[in-house]
Amino acid sequence: MSQFEDVYSKIESYRPEIIEMQRELTSRPALSPENGGSGEHDKAEYVKKQLLRLKPDLFSEIHAPDKRAAKGYRPNLVAAWSGGQEKKAVWVLSHLDIVPPGDLSLWAGDPYQVRVEGDTIIGRGVEDNQHGIVISYFAVKAALASSQALPRKVGLILVADEETGSKYGLEYLLREKRELFAKHALIIVPDAGNEEGTMIEVAEKSTLWLKFTITGAQCHASTPEKGKNSLSGAAHLIVELENLKKRFGLRNPMFSPQESTFEPTKIEANVPNVNTIPGKDVFYADCRILPDYVVDEIVEEARLIGEKVAKELDLEIEVAAVHRQDSAPPTPVDSPVVSSLTRAIHEVTGQTARPMGIGGGTVAAFFREAGLPAAVWSTISPTAHQPNEHCSIKNLITDTKIMATVFLSE
């Protein structure tokens, strides 16, 4: 029998409270100005009240100035409870903001009104990233209610702006409040994982968004010889860009997927009518690049491919990097945070977790760039950003147990 059985039993009893917190969080849309919202204020105010009920020894509201947002700032919250070892604190960071629901016709109900169907909670944000908020909050609550003293300081951080770059969230905190994070702190970001709860993310690929502008000459579709079809040029270019996969074809078994990816995604509107050949087309590609490669090499190769297609079709093609985040140094697979999570996962579920890399980006990259090893972990339902986003109540309870085990272990 585990030494934490009383804690686990208490967490099981939190099921109705867990559902209610998800309901309250979901009903407070936290959208950035870029996504048509005014910021995370309503959600932050609710979370603040819940945190204060747990009587933290440290509580701070950190406002990142943003003139576009309500009240002229974006809210970030920090709460901590003192324990035996202050320097070896464990911090859990979750984000308050969400993405818009998208096409409402694809939802079975109101995205901002939680629906509970058996073990499933449905609503925008319930997985990304209210999963992290809920499990860390109830893990603290259970740990404080147990008969065991916290062996080290435990802290929760709730940040703004994760979905649109973190300029007003973790990036701001690390610049303005770097003293919060001691060198030997354990940092957990519950914002990615797998469905089994066995993946501890320790590395991320570089992210590169490329914009391709193809300029030709507009004309009537019945006289194509009088123009230069930019859409045809875009199609040729997209096919040619497949060569990036061959040119940068290394595989790294730490990552899933194991190779770099180069995917055309968004295309901007061109002419509004069918019988006009467009003279300008713009599309984008999302590139997730293994740390084995220098990002500048990909940009240069894309530019050369663009030059080749432009010459062949007598077009002008401009290639621009509109977003770039080079991969941060990975968290060592034998770091204390990875070891602590691995032990806790095995304690609760009997499963063996393993450190891995991913193609997606998380705010853990900012910690790693600052020299702070961070681990990203949770048991996910892979529905983030999708219609009818959902999470499993069972996963929430299991992950809360794992988090509480980390908090209460030496």
Protein backbone atom coordinates (compact mmCIF):
# COMPACT_ATOMS: atom_id res chain seq x y z
CA MET A 1 0.00 0.00 0.00
CA SER A 2 1.28 3.46 -0.92
CA GLN A 3 2.24 5.92 1.81
CA PHE A 4 -0.02 8.40 0.00
CA GLU A 5 -3.25 6.36 0.10
CA ASP A 6 -5.01 8.91 2.29
CA VAL A 7 -4.09 11.65 -0.16
CA TYR A 8 -5.29 9.61 -3.13
CA SER A 9 -8.58 8.88 -1.38
CA LYS A 10 -9.11 12.55 -0.73
CA ILE A 11 -8.42 13.37 -4.38
CA GLU A 12 -11.02 10.80 -5.45
CA SER A 13 -13.54 12.67 -3.33
CA TYR A 14 -12.80 15.88 -5.25
CA ARG A 15 -14.57 14.65 -8.39
CA PRO A 16 -17.60 16.96 -8.07
CA GLU A 17 -15.33 19.93 -7.29
CA ILE A 18 -13.14 19.14 -10.27
CA ILE A 19 -16.14 19.19 -12.59
CA GLU A 20 -17.40 22.41 -11.03
CA MET A 21 -14.05 24.13 -11.46
CA GLN A 22 -13.97 23.11 -15.11
CA ARG A 23 -17.48 24.51 -15.48
CA GLU A 24 -16.52 27.84 -13.92
CA LEU A 25 -13.27 28.17 -15.88
CA THR A 26 -14.95 27.36 -19.20
CA SER A 27 -17.67 29.94 -18.65
CA ARG A 28 -15.02 32.67 -18.51
CA PRO A 29 -13.51 32.88 -22.03
CA ALA A 30 -9.91 34.07 -21.83
CA LEU A 31 -9.07 35.25 -25.33
CA SER A 32 -6.12 37.43 -26.25
CA PRO A 33 -6.63 40.65 -28.21
CA GLU A 34 -5.13 38.87 -31.24
CA ASN A 35 -7.96 36.35 -31.00
CA GLY A 36 -10.72 38.89 -30.58
CA GLY A 37 -10.80 39.04 -26.78
CA SER A 38 -9.85 41.51 -24.07
CA GLY A 39 -7.52 39.27 -22.09
CA GLU A 40 -7.67 36.77 -19.24
CA HIS A 41 -9.06 39.00 -16.46
CA ASP A 42 -12.33 37.23 -15.59
CA LYS A 43 -10.68 33.84 -15.50
CA ALA A 44 -7.73 35.16 -13.51
CA GLU A 45 -10.05 36.72 -10.93
CA TYR A 46 -11.86 33.42 -10.43
CA VAL A 47 -8.59 31.48 -10.11
CA LYS A 48 -7.25 34.10 -7.69
CA LYS A 49 -10.21 33.54 -5.35
CA GLN A 50 -9.67 29.78 -5.44
CA LEU A 51 -5.94 30.10 -4.73
CA LEU A 52 -6.49 32.43 -1.79
CA ARG A 53 -8.80 29.84 -0.22
CA LEU A 54 -5.73 27.62 0.12
CA LYS A 55 -3.94 30.37 2.11
CA PRO A 56 -0.66 30.59 0.18
CA ASP A 57 2.41 31.96 1.96
CA LEU A 58 3.17 33.97 -1.16
CA PHE A 59 0.66 35.42 -3.57
CA SER A 60 1.40 37.90 -6.31
CA GLU A 61 -0.44 39.40 -9.27
CA ILE A 62 1.98 40.38 -12.00
CA HIS A 63 0.53 42.70 -14.62
CA ALA A 64 2.16 42.75 -18.05
CA PRO A 65 1.31 46.08 -19.72
CA ASP A 66 -0.81 45.65 -22.85
CA LYS A 67 -2.78 48.67 -24.06
CA ARG A 68 -5.05 46.48 -26.18
CA ALA A 69 -6.32 44.50 -23.20
CA ALA A 70 -8.93 45.33 -20.57
CA LYS A 71 -7.50 47.58 -17.84
CA GLY A 72 -4.34 47.99 -19.93
CA TYR A 73 -2.59 44.82 -18.78
CA ARG A 74 -2.53 41.03 -18.98
CA PRO A 75 -2.83 39.17 -15.65
CA ASN A 76 -0.34 36.60 -14.35
CA LEU A 77 -0.72 34.90 -10.95
CA VAL A 78 1.88 33.36 -8.65
CA ALA A 79 1.05 31.44 -5.46
CA ALA A 80 3.38 29.41 -3.26
CA TRP A 81 3.26 27.38 -0.07
CA SER A 82 6.38 27.06 2.09
CA GLY A 83 8.02 23.71 2.62
CA GLY A 84 11.22 22.23 3.98
CA GLN A 85 13.59 22.97 1.10
CA GLU A 86 13.06 26.42 -0.35
CA LYS A 87 15.82 26.12 -2.97
CA LYS A 88 14.44 22.85 -4.33
CA ALA A 89 10.98 24.23 -4.90
CA VAL A 90 8.62 22.61 -7.34
CA TRP A 91 6.76 25.01 -9.66
CA VAL A 92 3.84 24.09 -11.89
CA LEU A 93 3.00 26.47 -14.70
CA SER A 94 -0.34 26.48 -16.55
CA HIS A 95 -1.81 29.07 -18.88
CA LEU A 96 -5.08 30.94 -18.53
CA ASP A 97 -5.73 31.82 -22.17
CA ILE A 98 -7.53 29.69 -24.74
CA VAL A 99 -8.02 29.73 -28.50
CA PRO A 100 -11.35 30.71 -30.11
CA PRO A 101 -13.91 27.92 -30.67
CA GLY A 102 -13.79 28.30 -34.46
CA ASP A 103 -16.77 27.17 -36.53
CA LEU A 104 -19.63 26.93 -34.03
CA SER A 105 -21.60 24.62 -36.33
CA LEU A 106 -19.02 21.92 -35.61
CA TRP A 107 -19.77 22.03 -31.88
CA ALA A 108 -22.52 19.89 -30.39
CA GLY A 109 -23.28 22.65 -27.89
CA ASP A 110 -22.16 26.01 -26.55
CA PRO A 111 -18.32 25.88 -26.37
CA TYR A 112 -18.39 27.94 -23.18
CA GLN A 113 -20.93 25.79 -21.35
CA VAL A 114 -19.44 22.55 -20.01
CA ARG A 115 -21.18 19.30 -20.89
CA VAL A 116 -20.44 16.16 -18.90
CA GLU A 117 -21.03 12.84 -20.64
CA GLY A 118 -19.95 9.92 -18.48
CA ASP A 119 -16.21 10.29 -17.90
CA THR A 120 -15.89 13.13 -20.42
CA ILE A 121 -15.98 16.90 -19.87
CA ILE A 122 -16.58 18.88 -23.08
CA GLY A 123 -15.92 22.59 -23.60
CA ARG A 124 -13.38 25.03 -24.98
CA GLY A 125 -10.30 25.04 -22.80
CA VAL A 126 -11.09 21.99 -20.65
CA GLU A 127 -7.94 20.25 -21.93
CA ASP A 128 -5.83 23.18 -23.10
CA ASN A 129 -4.95 24.25 -20.47
CA GLN A 130 -7.57 23.94 -17.75
CA HIS A 131 -6.36 20.36 -17.32
CA GLY A 132 -3.14 21.81 -15.94
CA ILE A 133 -4.89 24.40 -13.79
CA VAL A 134 -7.24 21.84 -12.24
CA ILE A 135 -4.71 19.09 -11.48
CA SER A 136 -2.17 21.45 -9.94
CA TYR A 137 -4.78 23.24 -7.82
CA PHE A 138 -6.34 20.07 -6.40
CA ALA A 139 -2.92 18.48 -5.87
CA VAL A 140 -1.99 21.43 -3.66
CA LYS A 141 -5.32 21.20 -1.86
CA ALA A 142 -4.86 17.49 -1.18
CA ALA A 143 -1.23 17.88 -0.11
CA LEU A 144 -2.13 20.65 2.35
CA ALA A 145 -4.98 18.57 3.76
CA SER A 146 -2.77 15.53 4.33
CA SER A 147 -1.03 14.69 7.58
CA GLN A 148 2.35 15.01 5.85
CA ALA A 149 4.24 18.28 5.78
CA LEU A 150 5.41 19.63 2.44
CA PRO A 151 9.07 18.59 2.14
CA ARG A 152 9.77 21.58 -0.12
CA LYS A 153 8.19 24.76 -1.34
CA VAL A 154 5.35 24.26 -3.84
CA GLY A 155 4.29 26.98 -6.24
CA LEU A 156 1.67 27.48 -8.95
CA ILE A 157 2.03 29.94 -11.80
CA LEU A 158 -0.89 30.91 -14.02
CA VAL A 159 0.18 32.90 -17.05
CA ALA A 160 -1.45 34.89 -19.83
CA ASP A 161 -0.69 34.88 -23.54
CA GLU A 162 0.60 31.33 -24.05
CA GLU A 163 -1.48 30.81 -27.19
CA THR A 164 -0.16 33.91 -28.95
CA GLY A 165 3.51 34.01 -28.07
CA SER A 166 3.94 34.51 -24.27
CA LYS A 167 5.18 38.10 -24.60
CA TYR A 168 2.72 39.08 -21.84
CA GLY A 169 3.04 35.80 -19.95
CA LEU A 170 6.06 33.67 -19.09
CA GLU A 171 8.45 35.71 -21.20
CA TYR A 172 7.47 38.78 -19.18
CA LEU A 173 7.81 36.92 -15.84
CA LEU A 174 11.26 35.60 -16.65
CA ARG A 175 12.40 39.09 -17.57
CA GLU A 176 10.79 40.98 -14.67
CA LYS A 177 10.59 38.34 -11.91
CA ARG A 178 13.50 36.02 -12.63
CA GLU A 179 14.26 35.80 -8.88
CA LEU A 180 11.20 33.58 -8.40
CA PHE A 181 12.96 30.63 -9.94
CA ALA A 182 15.94 29.17 -8.11
CA LYS A 183 18.51 27.28 -10.15
CA HIS A 184 17.61 23.92 -8.59
CA ALA A 185 13.83 24.28 -8.83
CA LEU A 186 11.74 21.51 -10.34
CA ILE A 187 9.55 23.01 -13.08
CA ILE A 188 6.56 21.13 -14.53
CA VAL A 189 4.43 22.38 -17.41
CA PRO A 190 1.26 20.24 -17.74
CA ASP A 191 0.50 21.28 -21.32
CA ALA A 192 1.40 18.27 -23.48
CA GLY A 193 1.80 14.53 -23.19
CA ASN A 194 0.22 11.37 -24.50
CA GLU A 195 -2.98 9.45 -23.84
CA GLU A 196 -1.19 6.96 -21.59
CA GLY A 197 0.45 9.62 -19.41
CA THR A 198 3.88 8.10 -20.01
CA MET A 199 5.53 10.81 -22.10
CA ILE A 200 7.68 13.40 -20.33
CA GLU A 201 8.53 16.04 -22.90
CA VAL A 202 12.11 17.28 -22.51
CA ALA A 203 12.88 18.71 -25.96
CA GLU A 204 11.15 20.58 -28.75
CA LYS A 205 11.85 21.13 -32.41
CA SER A 206 12.55 24.55 -33.82
CA THR A 207 9.45 26.30 -35.17
CA LEU A 208 9.54 28.24 -38.44
CA TRP A 209 6.62 29.82 -40.27
CA LEU A 210 7.40 30.81 -43.85
CA LYS A 211 5.35 33.19 -45.99
CA PHE A 212 5.48 32.79 -49.77
CA THR A 213 4.30 35.67 -51.96
CA ILE A 214 3.89 34.80 -55.64
CA THR A 215 3.41 37.74 -58.00
CA GLY A 216 2.42 37.37 -61.64
CA ALA A 217 0.01 39.36 -63.81
CA GLN A 218 -3.77 39.37 -63.53
CA CYS A 219 -5.89 38.88 -66.65
CA HIS A 220 -9.16 37.45 -67.94
CA ALA A 221 -9.31 33.67 -67.59
CA SER A 222 -10.26 33.30 -71.26
CA THR A 223 -6.95 34.85 -72.35
CA PRO A 224 -4.37 33.28 -70.05
CA GLU A 225 -1.54 34.17 -72.45
CA LYS A 226 -1.99 37.81 -71.44
CA GLY A 227 -1.21 37.17 -67.79
CA LYS A 228 0.96 35.17 -65.44
CA ASN A 229 -1.02 32.84 -63.17
CA SER A 230 0.18 33.27 -59.61
CA LEU A 231 -2.07 30.47 -58.30
CA SER A 232 -0.52 28.02 -60.74
CA GLY A 233 2.85 29.25 -59.51
CA ALA A 234 1.81 28.66 -55.90
CA ALA A 235 0.76 25.10 -56.77
CA HIS A 236 4.09 24.40 -58.47
CA LEU A 237 5.96 25.87 -55.52
CA ILE A 238 4.07 23.76 -52.97
CA VAL A 239 5.03 20.62 -54.89
CA GLU A 240 8.67 21.71 -55.12
CA LEU A 241 8.79 22.39 -51.38
CA GLU A 242 8.35 18.65 -50.83
CA ASN A 243 12.08 18.52 -51.52
CA LEU A 244 12.67 20.03 -48.09
CA LYS A 245 11.69 16.66 -46.62
CA LYS A 246 14.41 14.96 -48.67
CA ARG A 247 17.06 17.63 -48.12
CA PHE A 248 16.51 17.63 -44.34
CA GLY A 249 15.55 14.00 -43.85
CA LEU A 250 17.32 12.99 -40.64
CA ARG A 251 15.30 11.03 -38.09
CA ASN A 252 15.70 11.33 -34.33
CA PRO A 253 14.01 8.58 -32.27
CA MET A 254 13.62 10.89 -29.28
CA PHE A 255 10.97 12.84 -31.16
CA SER A 256 7.47 12.04 -32.33
CA PRO A 257 7.28 12.34 -35.29
CA GLN A 258 10.93 11.41 -35.67
CA GLU A 259 11.59 13.64 -38.68
CA SER A 260 11.37 17.37 -39.41
CA THR A 261 8.04 18.40 -40.93
CA PHE A 262 7.35 20.98 -43.64
CA GLU A 263 3.64 21.53 -44.22
CA PRO A 264 1.83 24.12 -46.38
CA THR A 265 -1.07 25.48 -44.33
CA LYS A 266 -2.82 28.83 -44.72
CA ILE A 267 -3.56 30.45 -48.10
CA GLU A 268 -4.82 34.01 -48.40
CA ALA A 269 -7.74 34.98 -50.61
CA ASN A 270 -6.87 36.14 -54.11
CA VAL A 271 -9.43 37.16 -56.78
CA PRO A 272 -13.12 37.11 -55.78
CA ASN A 273 -14.44 35.79 -59.11
CA VAL A 274 -13.89 32.60 -61.10
CA ASN A 275 -13.16 34.15 -64.49
CA THR A 276 -10.06 36.11 -63.48
CA ILE A 277 -6.54 34.70 -63.39
CA PRO A 278 -4.94 35.94 -60.16
CA GLY A 279 -1.83 38.06 -60.25
CA LYS A 280 -0.89 37.57 -56.61
CA ASP A 281 -1.10 34.63 -54.23
CA VAL A 282 0.16 34.25 -50.69
CA PHE A 283 0.46 31.03 -48.72
CA TYR A 284 2.29 29.86 -45.61
CA ALA A 285 4.17 26.78 -44.45
CA ASP A 286 4.62 25.49 -40.91
CA CYS A 287 8.05 23.90 -40.38
CA ARG A 288 9.02 21.93 -37.27
CA ILE A 289 12.75 21.29 -37.46
CA LEU A 290 14.88 18.81 -35.55
CA PRO A 291 17.61 20.41 -33.39
CA ASP A 292 20.11 18.62 -35.68
CA TYR A 293 19.60 21.41 -38.24
CA VAL A 294 20.33 25.14 -38.25
CA VAL A 295 17.12 27.00 -39.05
CA ASP A 296 18.92 29.39 -41.39
CA GLU A 297 19.65 26.41 -43.65
CA ILE A 298 15.94 25.76 -44.12
CA VAL A 299 15.19 29.41 -44.85
CA GLU A 300 17.95 29.52 -47.47
CA GLU A 301 16.84 26.27 -49.11
CA ALA A 302 13.23 27.51 -49.30
CA ARG A 303 14.48 30.72 -50.89
CA LEU A 304 16.46 28.77 -53.51
CA ILE A 305 13.42 26.62 -54.33
CA GLY A 306 11.40 29.81 -54.73
CA GLU A 307 14.01 31.25 -57.10
CA LYS A 308 13.93 28.06 -59.19
CA VAL A 309 10.14 28.09 -59.59
CA ALA A 310 10.09 31.83 -60.27
CA LYS A 311 12.62 31.44 -63.08
CA GLU A 312 10.82 28.49 -64.64
CA LEU A 313 7.40 30.21 -64.66
CA ASP A 314 8.50 33.84 -65.13
CA LEU A 315 7.07 34.95 -61.79
CA GLU A 316 8.30 36.87 -58.77
CA ILE A 317 8.48 34.87 -55.55
CA GLU A 318 9.32 36.31 -52.14
CA VAL A 319 10.10 34.07 -49.18
CA ALA A 320 9.92 35.52 -45.66
CA ALA A 321 10.17 34.02 -42.17
CA VAL A 322 7.19 35.49 -40.27
CA HIS A 323 7.74 33.51 -37.06
CA ARG A 324 10.78 31.69 -35.77
CA GLN A 325 11.67 30.03 -32.49
CA ASP A 326 14.89 28.06 -32.48
CA SER A 327 14.91 24.96 -30.30
CA ALA A 328 16.03 25.52 -26.73
CA PRO A 329 18.63 23.29 -25.05
CA PRO A 330 16.86 20.08 -24.01
CA THR A 331 16.15 19.22 -20.41
CA PRO A 332 18.60 16.43 -19.43
CA VAL A 333 16.83 13.09 -19.29
CA ASP A 334 18.40 12.43 -15.87
CA SER A 335 17.42 15.81 -14.39
CA PRO A 336 15.67 15.86 -10.98
CA VAL A 337 12.35 16.99 -12.46
CA VAL A 338 12.28 14.08 -14.92
CA SER A 339 13.29 11.61 -12.19
CA SER A 340 10.67 12.96 -9.79
CA LEU A 341 7.89 12.72 -12.37
CA THR A 342 9.00 9.26 -13.45
CA ARG A 343 8.84 7.97 -9.87
CA ALA A 344 5.46 9.60 -9.23
CA ILE A 345 3.92 8.20 -12.42
CA HIS A 346 5.09 4.70 -11.51
CA GLU A 347 3.86 5.13 -7.92
CA VAL A 348 0.33 6.01 -9.04
CA THR A 349 -0.16 4.02 -12.25
CA GLY A 350 2.60 1.39 -12.28
CA GLN A 351 3.65 2.60 -15.71
CA THR A 352 7.15 3.49 -16.83
CA ALA A 353 7.41 6.95 -18.33
CA ARG A 354 10.09 7.97 -20.80
CA PRO A 355 11.53 11.34 -21.83
CA MET A 356 10.74 12.41 -25.41
CA GLY A 357 10.78 15.37 -27.77
CA ILE A 358 7.83 16.86 -29.67
CA GLY A 359 7.22 19.01 -32.71
CA GLY A 360 4.83 21.37 -30.99
CA GLY A 361 6.05 24.33 -29.00
CA THR A 362 5.34 24.94 -25.32
CA VAL A 363 6.30 27.67 -22.87
CA ALA A 364 8.84 25.25 -21.41
CA ALA A 365 11.17 26.53 -24.14
CA PHE A 366 11.39 29.88 -22.32
CA PHE A 367 12.46 28.13 -19.11
CA ARG A 368 15.07 26.10 -20.97
CA GLU A 369 16.46 29.17 -22.72
CA ALA A 370 16.86 30.73 -19.26
CA GLY A 371 18.88 27.73 -18.06
CA LEU A 372 15.99 26.24 -16.07
CA PRO A 373 15.32 22.58 -16.96
CA ALA A 374 11.58 22.06 -17.32
CA ALA A 375 9.51 18.95 -18.01
CA VAL A 376 6.20 18.99 -19.87
CA TRP A 377 3.78 16.27 -18.87
CA SER A 378 0.12 15.36 -18.52
CA THR A 379 -2.27 12.61 -19.58
CA ILE A 380 -4.02 14.20 -22.50
CA SER A 381 -7.09 13.72 -24.59
CA PRO A 382 -5.71 14.95 -27.95
CA THR A 383 -8.50 17.42 -28.71
CA ALA A 384 -6.83 20.78 -28.03
CA HIS A 385 -7.96 23.50 -30.49
CA GLN A 386 -10.55 21.12 -31.97
CA PRO A 387 -14.37 21.43 -31.96
CA ASN A 388 -15.87 19.63 -28.96
CA GLU A 389 -12.59 19.77 -27.08
CA HIS A 390 -12.77 17.37 -24.17
CA CYS A 391 -10.86 15.77 -21.34
CA SER A 392 -11.26 12.70 -19.17
CA ILE A 393 -12.28 13.02 -15.53
CA LYS A 394 -10.34 9.84 -14.81
CA ASN A 395 -7.21 11.43 -16.29
CA LEU A 396 -7.72 14.58 -14.24
CA ILE A 397 -7.96 12.57 -11.03
CA THR A 398 -4.97 10.36 -11.90
CA ASP A 399 -2.83 13.34 -12.85
CA THR A 400 -3.81 15.12 -9.64
CA LYS A 401 -2.55 12.10 -7.70
CA ILE A 402 0.72 12.13 -9.62
CA MET A 403 1.19 15.84 -9.05
CA ALA A 404 0.45 15.50 -5.32
CA THR A 405 2.99 12.66 -5.15
CA VAL A 406 5.64 14.96 -6.59
CA PHE A 407 4.72 17.67 -4.08
CA LEU A 408 4.96 15.32 -1.09
CA SER A 409 8.07 13.37 -2.12
CA GLU A 410 11.63 14.26 -1.13
